[in-house]
Amino acid sequence: MTSPLPANDIFSTNPYESHSSLTATEAEVLWEYAKLAQHVKLVTQKTRLLSEEPDQMLLARLRILEKKMGLVLTLFKASVWGVINEQPTAEPSHGYDENSSDTTIRR
């Protein structure tokens, strides 16, 4: 039996090729499985790297969006304040309003 090869060599050298109890087809199939397993390991490693550290470009774009949304909120509040201030103020009525259900006597 052969010793395990480093991960990078699995793509260039078939470790099952010289095994005496395997046919050529079996050796090829096992080699393909070994290469597939190595690809899955590499994808897993890269996926872990991506999930552990945040995407810097995405964070930068989200910060820009956050600043713009803060500006929009400030402008919206200012617009609402302006609309409220443009409304005429109702002067309090000192007389008796016949349509009102308030029965308080005012002097």
PDB file of N, CA and C in Angstrom:
ATOM      1  N   MET A   1       0.835  -1.175   0.000  1.00  0.00           N
ATOM      2  CA  MET A   1       0.000   0.000   0.000  1.00  0.00           C
ATOM      3  C   MET A   1       0.883   1.242   0.000  1.00  0.00           C
ATOM      4  N   THR A   2       0.427   2.313  -0.640  1.00  0.00           N
ATOM      5  CA  THR A   2       1.224   3.524  -0.733  1.00  0.00           C
ATOM      6  C   THR A   2       0.902   4.444   0.422  1.00  0.00           C
ATOM      7  N   SER A   3       1.841   5.306   0.740  1.00  0.00           N
ATOM      8  CA  SER A   3       1.611   6.281   1.812  1.00  0.00           C
ATOM      9  C   SER A   3       0.758   7.419   1.276  1.00  0.00           C
ATOM     10  N   PRO A   4      -0.021   8.052   2.148  1.00  0.00           N
ATOM     11  CA  PRO A   4      -0.863   9.155   1.679  1.00  0.00           C
ATOM     12  C   PRO A   4      -0.016  10.304   1.150  1.00  0.00           C
ATOM     13  N   LEU A   5      -0.453  10.848   0.043  1.00  0.00           N
ATOM     14  CA  LEU A   5       0.260  11.953  -0.594  1.00  0.00           C
ATOM     15  C   LEU A   5      -0.265  13.280  -0.072  1.00  0.00           C
ATOM     16  N   PRO A   6       0.542  14.328  -0.130  1.00  0.00           N
ATOM     17  CA  PRO A   6       0.035  15.648   0.233  1.00  0.00           C
ATOM     18  C   PRO A   6      -1.157  16.015  -0.650  1.00  0.00           C
ATOM     19  N   ALA A   7      -1.977  16.903  -0.157  1.00  0.00           N
ATOM     20  CA  ALA A   7      -3.234  17.255  -0.832  1.00  0.00           C
ATOM     21  C   ALA A   7      -3.025  17.766  -2.248  1.00  0.00           C
ATOM     22  N   ASN A   8      -1.965  18.519  -2.489  1.00  0.00           N
ATOM     23  CA  ASN A   8      -1.746  19.081  -3.816  1.00  0.00           C
ATOM     24  C   ASN A   8      -1.356  18.009  -4.826  1.00  0.00           C
ATOM     25  N   ASP A   9      -0.738  16.925  -4.374  1.00  0.00           N
ATOM     26  CA  ASP A   9      -0.293  15.878  -5.281  1.00  0.00           C
ATOM     27  C   ASP A   9      -1.423  14.967  -5.726  1.00  0.00           C
ATOM     28  N   ILE A  10      -2.547  14.978  -5.027  1.00  0.00           N
ATOM     29  CA  ILE A  10      -3.661  14.101  -5.378  1.00  0.00           C
ATOM     30  C   ILE A  10      -4.201  14.433  -6.765  1.00  0.00           C
ATOM     31  N   PHE A  11      -4.019  15.669  -7.200  1.00  0.00           N
ATOM     32  CA  PHE A  11      -4.527  16.077  -8.510  1.00  0.00           C
ATOM     33  C   PHE A  11      -3.588  15.682  -9.648  1.00  0.00           C
ATOM     34  N   SER A  12      -2.343  15.425  -9.333  1.00  0.00           N
ATOM     35  CA  SER A  12      -1.391  15.092 -10.397  1.00  0.00           C
ATOM     36  C   SER A  12      -0.985  13.623 -10.415  1.00  0.00           C
ATOM     37  N   THR A  13      -1.036  12.948  -9.276  1.00  0.00           N
ATOM     38  CA  THR A  13      -0.586  11.567  -9.203  1.00  0.00           C
ATOM     39  C   THR A  13      -1.678  10.697  -8.617  1.00  0.00           C
ATOM     40  N   ASN A  14      -1.944   9.555  -9.285  1.00  0.00           N
ATOM     41  CA  ASN A  14      -2.947   8.608  -8.802  1.00  0.00           C
ATOM     42  C   ASN A  14      -2.290   7.700  -7.769  1.00  0.00           C
ATOM     43  N   PRO A  15      -2.665   7.822  -6.481  1.00  0.00           N
ATOM     44  CA  PRO A  15      -2.034   6.984  -5.460  1.00  0.00           C
ATOM     45  C   PRO A  15      -2.515   5.530  -5.514  1.00  0.00           C
ATOM     46  N   TYR A  16      -3.594   5.255  -6.215  1.00  0.00           N
ATOM     47  CA  TYR A  16      -4.142   3.899  -6.292  1.00  0.00           C
ATOM     48  C   TYR A  16      -3.657   3.141  -7.527  1.00  0.00           C
ATOM     49  N   GLU A  17      -2.867   3.770  -8.363  1.00  0.00           N
ATOM     50  CA  GLU A  17      -2.453   3.205  -9.648  1.00  0.00           C
ATOM     51  C   GLU A  17      -1.646   1.909  -9.493  1.00  0.00           C
ATOM     52  N   SER A  18      -0.776   1.854  -8.544  1.00  0.00           N
ATOM     53  CA  SER A  18       0.096   0.686  -8.404  1.00  0.00           C
ATOM     54  C   SER A  18      -0.400  -0.320  -7.364  1.00  0.00           C
ATOM     55  N   HIS A  19      -1.636  -0.142  -6.911  1.00  0.00           N
ATOM     56  CA  HIS A  19      -2.179  -1.076  -5.919  1.00  0.00           C
ATOM     57  C   HIS A  19      -2.488  -2.410  -6.599  1.00  0.00           C
ATOM     58  N   SER A  20      -2.003  -3.499  -6.004  1.00  0.00           N
ATOM     59  CA  SER A  20      -2.074  -4.812  -6.655  1.00  0.00           C
ATOM     60  C   SER A  20      -3.483  -5.410  -6.685  1.00  0.00           C
ATOM     61  N   SER A  21      -4.335  -5.074  -5.739  1.00  0.00           N
ATOM     62  CA  SER A  21      -5.666  -5.697  -5.709  1.00  0.00           C
ATOM     63  C   SER A  21      -6.738  -4.881  -6.421  1.00  0.00           C
ATOM     64  N   LEU A  22      -6.369  -3.805  -7.091  1.00  0.00           N
ATOM     65  CA  LEU A  22      -7.333  -2.967  -7.806  1.00  0.00           C
ATOM     66  C   LEU A  22      -7.125  -3.078  -9.307  1.00  0.00           C
ATOM     67  N   THR A  23      -8.221  -3.073 -10.038  1.00  0.00           N
ATOM     68  CA  THR A  23      -8.113  -3.006 -11.492  1.00  0.00           C
ATOM     69  C   THR A  23      -7.848  -1.550 -11.879  1.00  0.00           C
ATOM     70  N   ALA A  24      -7.537  -1.358 -13.127  1.00  0.00           N
ATOM     71  CA  ALA A  24      -7.253   0.005 -13.602  1.00  0.00           C
ATOM     72  C   ALA A  24      -8.485   0.894 -13.450  1.00  0.00           C
ATOM     73  N   THR A  25      -9.664   0.355 -13.745  1.00  0.00           N
ATOM     74  CA  THR A  25     -10.898   1.137 -13.633  1.00  0.00           C
ATOM     75  C   THR A  25     -11.178   1.484 -12.175  1.00  0.00           C
ATOM     76  N   GLU A  26     -11.005   0.524 -11.277  1.00  0.00           N
ATOM     77  CA  GLU A  26     -11.223   0.779  -9.860  1.00  0.00           C
ATOM     78  C   GLU A  26     -10.255   1.848  -9.339  1.00  0.00           C
ATOM     79  N   ALA A  27      -9.002   1.762  -9.782  1.00  0.00           N
ATOM     80  CA  ALA A  27      -8.003   2.756  -9.373  1.00  0.00           C
ATOM     81  C   ALA A  27      -8.386   4.146  -9.871  1.00  0.00           C
ATOM     82  N   GLU A  28      -8.889   4.229 -11.105  1.00  0.00           N
ATOM     83  CA  GLU A  28      -9.318   5.519 -11.663  1.00  0.00           C
ATOM     84  C   GLU A  28     -10.518   6.085 -10.889  1.00  0.00           C
ATOM     85  N   VAL A  29     -11.476   5.208 -10.570  1.00  0.00           N
ATOM     86  CA  VAL A  29     -12.669   5.655  -9.836  1.00  0.00           C
ATOM     87  C   VAL A  29     -12.274   6.148  -8.445  1.00  0.00           C
ATOM     88  N   LEU A  30     -11.419   5.399  -7.755  1.00  0.00           N
ATOM     89  CA  LEU A  30     -10.968   5.832  -6.428  1.00  0.00           C
ATOM     90  C   LEU A  30     -10.199   7.136  -6.495  1.00  0.00           C
ATOM     91  N   TRP A  31      -9.425   7.312  -7.535  1.00  0.00           N
ATOM     92  CA  TRP A  31      -8.681   8.570  -7.710  1.00  0.00           C
ATOM     93  C   TRP A  31      -9.649   9.741  -7.896  1.00  0.00           C
ATOM     94  N   GLU A  32     -10.686   9.519  -8.720  1.00  0.00           N
ATOM     95  CA  GLU A  32     -11.680  10.581  -8.929  1.00  0.00           C
ATOM     96  C   GLU A  32     -12.384  10.931  -7.615  1.00  0.00           C
ATOM     97  N   TYR A  33     -12.713   9.915  -6.812  1.00  0.00           N
ATOM     98  CA  TYR A  33     -13.308  10.177  -5.501  1.00  0.00           C
ATOM     99  C   TYR A  33     -12.352  10.953  -4.599  1.00  0.00           C
ATOM    100  N   ALA A  34     -11.080  10.609  -4.639  1.00  0.00           N
ATOM    101  CA  ALA A  34     -10.083  11.310  -3.820  1.00  0.00           C
ATOM    102  C   ALA A  34      -9.971  12.773  -4.255  1.00  0.00           C
ATOM    103  N   LYS A  35      -9.980  13.014  -5.573  1.00  0.00           N
ATOM    104  CA  LYS A  35      -9.916  14.396  -6.064  1.00  0.00           C
ATOM    105  C   LYS A  35     -11.180  15.168  -5.668  1.00  0.00           C
ATOM    106  N   LEU A  36     -12.333  14.498  -5.789  1.00  0.00           N
ATOM    107  CA  LEU A  36     -13.588  15.133  -5.395  1.00  0.00           C
ATOM    108  C   LEU A  36     -13.582  15.468  -3.908  1.00  0.00           C
ATOM    109  N   ALA A  37     -13.096  14.545  -3.079  1.00  0.00           N
ATOM    110  CA  ALA A  37     -13.017  14.796  -1.634  1.00  0.00           C
ATOM    111  C   ALA A  37     -12.105  15.984  -1.344  1.00  0.00           C
ATOM    112  N   GLN A  38     -11.003  16.092  -2.067  1.00  0.00           N
ATOM    113  CA  GLN A  38     -10.091  17.218  -1.861  1.00  0.00           C
ATOM    114  C   GLN A  38     -10.749  18.539  -2.274  1.00  0.00           C
ATOM    115  N   HIS A  39     -11.491  18.504  -3.381  1.00  0.00           N
ATOM    116  CA  HIS A  39     -12.218  19.713  -3.803  1.00  0.00           C
ATOM    117  C   HIS A  39     -13.238  20.129  -2.741  1.00  0.00           C
ATOM    118  N   VAL A  40     -13.946  19.171  -2.170  1.00  0.00           N
ATOM    119  CA  VAL A  40     -14.937  19.473  -1.134  1.00  0.00           C
ATOM    120  C   VAL A  40     -14.244  20.066   0.086  1.00  0.00           C
ATOM    121  N   LYS A  41     -13.078  19.538   0.453  1.00  0.00           N
ATOM    122  CA  LYS A  41     -12.330  20.092   1.587  1.00  0.00           C
ATOM    123  C   LYS A  41     -11.919  21.534   1.312  1.00  0.00           C
ATOM    124  N   LEU A  42     -11.454  21.805   0.100  1.00  0.00           N
ATOM    125  CA  LEU A  42     -11.042  23.168  -0.252  1.00  0.00           C
ATOM    126  C   LEU A  42     -12.232  24.131  -0.227  1.00  0.00           C
ATOM    127  N   VAL A  43     -13.366  23.678  -0.754  1.00  0.00           N
ATOM    128  CA  VAL A  43     -14.567  24.527  -0.746  1.00  0.00           C
ATOM    129  C   VAL A  43     -15.011  24.796   0.691  1.00  0.00           C
ATOM    130  N   THR A  44     -14.938  23.785   1.544  1.00  0.00           N
ATOM    131  CA  THR A  44     -15.307  23.958   2.946  1.00  0.00           C
ATOM    132  C   THR A  44     -14.403  24.966   3.636  1.00  0.00           C
ATOM    133  N   GLN A  45     -13.103  24.867   3.374  1.00  0.00           N
ATOM    134  CA  GLN A  45     -12.159  25.817   3.974  1.00  0.00           C
ATOM    135  C   GLN A  45     -12.459  27.241   3.524  1.00  0.00           C
ATOM    136  N   LYS A  46     -12.691  27.424   2.227  1.00  0.00           N
ATOM    137  CA  LYS A  46     -12.959  28.770   1.709  1.00  0.00           C
ATOM    138  C   LYS A  46     -14.299  29.301   2.224  1.00  0.00           C
ATOM    139  N   THR A  47     -15.271  28.426   2.361  1.00  0.00           N
ATOM    140  CA  THR A  47     -16.567  28.846   2.891  1.00  0.00           C
ATOM    141  C   THR A  47     -16.433  29.292   4.338  1.00  0.00           C
ATOM    142  N   ARG A  48     -15.659  28.560   5.113  1.00  0.00           N
ATOM    143  CA  ARG A  48     -15.432  28.966   6.506  1.00  0.00           C
ATOM    144  C   ARG A  48     -14.730  30.313   6.569  1.00  0.00           C
ATOM    145  N   LEU A  49     -13.744  30.511   5.707  1.00  0.00           N
ATOM    146  CA  LEU A  49     -13.046  31.803   5.677  1.00  0.00           C
ATOM    147  C   LEU A  49     -14.018  32.939   5.370  1.00  0.00           C
ATOM    148  N   LEU A  50     -14.875  32.726   4.383  1.00  0.00           N
ATOM    149  CA  LEU A  50     -15.822  33.777   4.003  1.00  0.00           C
ATOM    150  C   LEU A  50     -16.849  34.041   5.094  1.00  0.00           C
ATOM    151  N   SER A  51     -17.266  32.998   5.796  1.00  0.00           N
ATOM    152  CA  SER A  51     -18.286  33.201   6.818  1.00  0.00           C
ATOM    153  C   SER A  51     -17.711  33.769   8.107  1.00  0.00           C
ATOM    154  N   GLU A  52     -16.429  33.553   8.368  1.00  0.00           N
ATOM    155  CA  GLU A  52     -15.826  34.048   9.602  1.00  0.00           C
ATOM    156  C   GLU A  52     -15.462  35.527   9.527  1.00  0.00           C
ATOM    157  N   GLU A  53     -14.958  35.968   8.422  1.00  0.00           N
ATOM    158  CA  GLU A  53     -14.582  37.375   8.308  1.00  0.00           C
ATOM    159  C   GLU A  53     -15.562  38.077   7.370  1.00  0.00           C
ATOM    160  N   PRO A  54     -16.018  39.252   7.749  1.00  0.00           N
ATOM    161  CA  PRO A  54     -17.016  39.952   6.934  1.00  0.00           C
ATOM    162  C   PRO A  54     -16.411  40.439   5.614  1.00  0.00           C
ATOM    163  N   ASP A  55     -17.268  40.548   4.647  1.00  0.00           N
ATOM    164  CA  ASP A  55     -16.871  41.040   3.338  1.00  0.00           C
ATOM    165  C   ASP A  55     -16.646  42.551   3.432  1.00  0.00           C
ATOM    166  N   GLN A  56     -15.413  42.966   3.252  1.00  0.00           N
ATOM    167  CA  GLN A  56     -15.063  44.375   3.439  1.00  0.00           C
ATOM    168  C   GLN A  56     -15.773  45.282   2.438  1.00  0.00           C
ATOM    169  N   MET A  57     -15.910  44.830   1.204  1.00  0.00           N
ATOM    170  CA  MET A  57     -16.567  45.659   0.196  1.00  0.00           C
ATOM    171  C   MET A  57     -18.056  45.820   0.535  1.00  0.00           C
ATOM    172  N   LEU A  58     -18.680  44.748   0.965  1.00  0.00           N
ATOM    173  CA  LEU A  58     -20.081  44.823   1.345  1.00  0.00           C
ATOM    174  C   LEU A  58     -20.267  45.751   2.541  1.00  0.00           C
ATOM    175  N   LEU A  59     -19.373  45.659   3.515  1.00  0.00           N
ATOM    176  CA  LEU A  59     -19.463  46.549   4.677  1.00  0.00           C
ATOM    177  C   LEU A  59     -19.326  48.016   4.266  1.00  0.00           C
ATOM    178  N   ALA A  60     -18.407  48.296   3.371  1.00  0.00           N
ATOM    179  CA  ALA A  60     -18.220  49.680   2.914  1.00  0.00           C
ATOM    180  C   ALA A  60     -19.474  50.185   2.212  1.00  0.00           C
ATOM    181  N   ARG A  61     -20.071  49.342   1.371  1.00  0.00           N
ATOM    182  CA  ARG A  61     -21.284  49.755   0.667  1.00  0.00           C
ATOM    183  C   ARG A  61     -22.453  49.944   1.630  1.00  0.00           C
ATOM    184  N   LEU A  62     -22.531  49.095   2.640  1.00  0.00           N
ATOM    185  CA  LEU A  62     -23.595  49.247   3.626  1.00  0.00           C
ATOM    186  C   LEU A  62     -23.407  50.506   4.473  1.00  0.00           C
ATOM    187  N   ARG A  63     -22.161  50.881   4.758  1.00  0.00           N
ATOM    188  CA  ARG A  63     -21.909  52.124   5.508  1.00  0.00           C
ATOM    189  C   ARG A  63     -22.359  53.335   4.704  1.00  0.00           C
ATOM    190  N   ILE A  64     -22.080  53.332   3.405  1.00  0.00           N
ATOM    191  CA  ILE A  64     -22.512  54.434   2.539  1.00  0.00           C
ATOM    192  C   ILE A  64     -24.041  54.513   2.536  1.00  0.00           C
ATOM    193  N   LEU A  65     -24.687  53.350   2.411  1.00  0.00           N
ATOM    194  CA  LEU A  65     -26.147  53.312   2.421  1.00  0.00           C
ATOM    195  C   LEU A  65     -26.703  53.797   3.754  1.00  0.00           C
ATOM    196  N   GLU A  66     -26.048  53.427   4.848  1.00  0.00           N
ATOM    197  CA  GLU A  66     -26.487  53.862   6.173  1.00  0.00           C
ATOM    198  C   GLU A  66     -26.409  55.384   6.304  1.00  0.00           C
ATOM    199  N   LYS A  67     -25.335  55.974   5.785  1.00  0.00           N
ATOM    200  CA  LYS A  67     -25.202  57.438   5.834  1.00  0.00           C
ATOM    201  C   LYS A  67     -26.291  58.107   5.007  1.00  0.00           C
ATOM    202  N   LYS A  68     -26.565  57.557   3.825  1.00  0.00           N
ATOM    203  CA  LYS A  68     -27.609  58.133   2.973  1.00  0.00           C
ATOM    204  C   LYS A  68     -28.975  58.017   3.631  1.00  0.00           C
ATOM    205  N   MET A  69     -29.244  56.878   4.270  1.00  0.00           N
ATOM    206  CA  MET A  69     -30.525  56.695   4.938  1.00  0.00           C
ATOM    207  C   MET A  69     -30.661  57.653   6.123  1.00  0.00           C
ATOM    208  N   GLY A  70     -29.561  57.902   6.826  1.00  0.00           N
ATOM    209  CA  GLY A  70     -29.593  58.879   7.915  1.00  0.00           C
ATOM    210  C   GLY A  70     -29.905  60.267   7.390  1.00  0.00           C
ATOM    211  N   LEU A  71     -29.320  60.618   6.246  1.00  0.00           N
ATOM    212  CA  LEU A  71     -29.592  61.914   5.629  1.00  0.00           C
ATOM    213  C   LEU A  71     -31.050  62.009   5.193  1.00  0.00           C
ATOM    214  N   VAL A  72     -31.568  60.940   4.594  1.00  0.00           N
ATOM    215  CA  VAL A  72     -32.972  60.932   4.161  1.00  0.00           C
ATOM    216  C   VAL A  72     -33.892  61.091   5.364  1.00  0.00           C
ATOM    217  N   LEU A  73     -33.598  60.395   6.458  1.00  0.00           N
ATOM    218  CA  LEU A  73     -34.426  60.507   7.661  1.00  0.00           C
ATOM    219  C   LEU A  73     -34.399  61.932   8.205  1.00  0.00           C
ATOM    220  N   THR A  74     -33.225  62.548   8.240  1.00  0.00           N
ATOM    221  CA  THR A  74     -33.110  63.926   8.728  1.00  0.00           C
ATOM    222  C   THR A  74     -33.906  64.882   7.846  1.00  0.00           C
ATOM    223  N   LEU A  75     -33.795  64.720   6.534  1.00  0.00           N
ATOM    224  CA  LEU A  75     -34.546  65.583   5.616  1.00  0.00           C
ATOM    225  C   LEU A  75     -36.048  65.361   5.750  1.00  0.00           C
ATOM    226  N   PHE A  76     -36.447  64.106   5.958  1.00  0.00           N
ATOM    227  CA  PHE A  76     -37.865  63.808   6.144  1.00  0.00           C
ATOM    228  C   PHE A  76     -38.397  64.474   7.410  1.00  0.00           C
ATOM    229  N   LYS A  77     -37.643  64.372   8.496  1.00  0.00           N
ATOM    230  CA  LYS A  77     -38.064  65.009   9.748  1.00  0.00           C
ATOM    231  C   LYS A  77     -38.170  66.521   9.576  1.00  0.00           C
ATOM    232  N   ALA A  78     -37.199  67.106   8.867  1.00  0.00           N
ATOM    233  CA  ALA A  78     -37.232  68.550   8.644  1.00  0.00           C
ATOM    234  C   ALA A  78     -38.446  68.936   7.804  1.00  0.00           C
ATOM    235  N   SER A  79     -38.780  68.118   6.814  1.00  0.00           N
ATOM    236  CA  SER A  79     -39.948  68.405   5.972  1.00  0.00           C
ATOM    237  C   SER A  79     -41.237  68.318   6.770  1.00  0.00           C
ATOM    238  N   VAL A  80     -41.343  67.297   7.598  1.00  0.00           N
ATOM    239  CA  VAL A  80     -42.534  67.154   8.426  1.00  0.00           C
ATOM    240  C   VAL A  80     -42.637  68.335   9.388  1.00  0.00           C
ATOM    241  N   TRP A  81     -41.525  68.726   9.979  1.00  0.00           N
ATOM    242  CA  TRP A  81     -41.515  69.871  10.887  1.00  0.00           C
ATOM    243  C   TRP A  81     -41.948  71.136  10.147  1.00  0.00           C
ATOM    244  N   GLY A  82     -41.467  71.306   8.919  1.00  0.00           N
ATOM    245  CA  GLY A  82     -41.848  72.469   8.130  1.00  0.00           C
ATOM    246  C   GLY A  82     -43.332  72.471   7.808  1.00  0.00           C
ATOM    247  N   VAL A  83     -43.878  71.321   7.470  1.00  0.00           N
ATOM    248  CA  VAL A  83     -45.309  71.234   7.168  1.00  0.00           C
ATOM    249  C   VAL A  83     -46.129  71.542   8.415  1.00  0.00           C
ATOM    250  N   ILE A  84     -45.707  71.022   9.536  1.00  0.00           N
ATOM    251  CA  ILE A  84     -46.428  71.276  10.789  1.00  0.00           C
ATOM    252  C   ILE A  84     -46.386  72.757  11.141  1.00  0.00           C
ATOM    253  N   ASN A  85     -45.243  73.380  10.964  1.00  0.00           N
ATOM    254  CA  ASN A  85     -45.113  74.802  11.290  1.00  0.00           C
ATOM    255  C   ASN A  85     -45.864  75.703  10.320  1.00  0.00           C
ATOM    256  N   GLU A  86     -46.132  75.253   9.109  1.00  0.00           N
ATOM    257  CA  GLU A  86     -46.873  76.053   8.135  1.00  0.00           C
ATOM    258  C   GLU A  86     -48.372  76.057   8.419  1.00  0.00           C
ATOM    259  N   GLN A  87     -48.842  75.106   9.219  1.00  0.00           N
ATOM    260  CA  GLN A  87     -50.264  75.030   9.522  1.00  0.00           C
ATOM    261  C   GLN A  87     -50.656  76.238  10.371  1.00  0.00           C
ATOM    262  N   PRO A  88     -51.790  76.847  10.058  1.00  0.00           N
ATOM    263  CA  PRO A  88     -52.233  77.973  10.891  1.00  0.00           C
ATOM    264  C   PRO A  88     -52.624  77.462  12.274  1.00  0.00           C
ATOM    265  N   THR A  89     -52.269  78.242  13.252  1.00  0.00           N
ATOM    266  CA  THR A  89     -52.609  77.839  14.618  1.00  0.00           C
ATOM    267  C   THR A  89     -54.042  78.241  14.902  1.00  0.00           C
ATOM    268  N   ALA A  90     -54.795  77.340  15.448  1.00  0.00           N
ATOM    269  CA  ALA A  90     -56.197  77.618  15.777  1.00  0.00           C
ATOM    270  C   ALA A  90     -56.239  78.404  17.071  1.00  0.00           C
ATOM    271  N   GLU A  91     -56.931  79.531  17.041  1.00  0.00           N
ATOM    272  CA  GLU A  91     -57.034  80.349  18.244  1.00  0.00           C
ATOM    273  C   GLU A  91     -58.098  79.741  19.144  1.00  0.00           C
ATOM    274  N   PRO A  92     -57.806  79.695  20.422  1.00  0.00           N
ATOM    275  CA  PRO A  92     -58.789  79.092  21.327  1.00  0.00           C
ATOM    276  C   PRO A  92     -60.083  79.911  21.352  1.00  0.00           C
ATOM    277  N   SER A  93     -61.161  79.225  21.323  1.00  0.00           N
ATOM    278  CA  SER A  93     -62.481  79.856  21.328  1.00  0.00           C
ATOM    279  C   SER A  93     -62.862  80.191  22.766  1.00  0.00           C
ATOM    280  N   HIS A  94     -63.213  81.486  22.993  1.00  0.00           N
ATOM    281  CA  HIS A  94     -63.614  81.894  24.339  1.00  0.00           C
ATOM    282  C   HIS A  94     -65.130  81.871  24.493  1.00  0.00           C
ATOM    283  N   GLY A  95     -65.813  81.767  23.420  1.00  0.00           N
ATOM    284  CA  GLY A  95     -67.271  81.769  23.477  1.00  0.00           C
ATOM    285  C   GLY A  95     -67.810  80.346  23.558  1.00  0.00           C
ATOM    286  N   TYR A  96     -69.115  80.271  23.569  1.00  0.00           N
ATOM    287  CA  TYR A  96     -69.773  78.984  23.662  1.00  0.00           C
ATOM    288  C   TYR A  96     -70.018  78.463  22.258  1.00  0.00           C
ATOM    289  N   ASP A  97     -69.605  77.243  22.031  1.00  0.00           N
ATOM    290  CA  ASP A  97     -69.803  76.611  20.734  1.00  0.00           C
ATOM    291  C   ASP A  97     -71.019  75.711  20.841  1.00  0.00           C
ATOM    292  N   GLU A  98     -72.052  76.028  20.070  1.00  0.00           N
ATOM    293  CA  GLU A  98     -73.297  75.276  20.176  1.00  0.00           C
ATOM    294  C   GLU A  98     -73.168  73.847  19.678  1.00  0.00           C
ATOM    295  N   ASN A  99     -72.254  73.590  18.801  1.00  0.00           N
ATOM    296  CA  ASN A  99     -72.100  72.253  18.231  1.00  0.00           C
ATOM    297  C   ASN A  99     -71.283  71.342  19.138  1.00  0.00           C
ATOM    298  N   SER A 100     -70.688  71.905  20.149  1.00  0.00           N
ATOM    299  CA  SER A 100     -69.810  71.130  21.016  1.00  0.00           C
ATOM    300  C   SER A 100     -70.622  70.391  22.062  1.00  0.00           C
ATOM    301  N   SER A 101     -70.141  69.245  22.472  1.00  0.00           N
ATOM    302  CA  SER A 101     -70.802  68.500  23.542  1.00  0.00           C
ATOM    303  C   SER A 101     -70.241  68.880  24.901  1.00  0.00           C
ATOM    304  N   ASP A 102     -69.318  69.847  24.925  1.00  0.00           N
ATOM    305  CA  ASP A 102     -68.726  70.322  26.174  1.00  0.00           C
ATOM    306  C   ASP A 102     -69.746  71.225  26.874  1.00  0.00           C
ATOM    307  N   THR A 103     -70.074  70.897  28.104  1.00  0.00           N
ATOM    308  CA  THR A 103     -71.087  71.683  28.836  1.00  0.00           C
ATOM    309  C   THR A 103     -70.480  72.581  29.901  1.00  0.00           C
ATOM    310  N   THR A 104     -69.166  72.781  29.841  1.00  0.00           N
ATOM    311  CA  THR A 104     -68.511  73.627  30.827  1.00  0.00           C
ATOM    312  C   THR A 104     -68.859  75.072  30.563  1.00  0.00           C
ATOM    313  N   ILE A 105     -69.185  75.808  31.635  1.00  0.00           N
ATOM    314  CA  ILE A 105     -69.515  77.231  31.518  1.00  0.00           C
ATOM    315  C   ILE A 105     -68.213  78.007  31.570  1.00  0.00           C
ATOM    316  N   ARG A 106     -68.071  78.908  30.590  1.00  0.00           N
ATOM    317  CA  ARG A 106     -66.854  79.689  30.491  1.00  0.00           C
ATOM    318  C   ARG A 106     -67.194  81.146  30.783  1.00  0.00           C
ATOM    319  N   ARG A 107     -66.317  81.869  31.413  1.00  0.00           N
ATOM    320  CA  ARG A 107     -66.540  83.275  31.731  1.00  0.00           C
ATOM    321  C   ARG A 107     -65.746  84.179  30.875  1.00  0.00           C
TER     322      ARG A 107
END
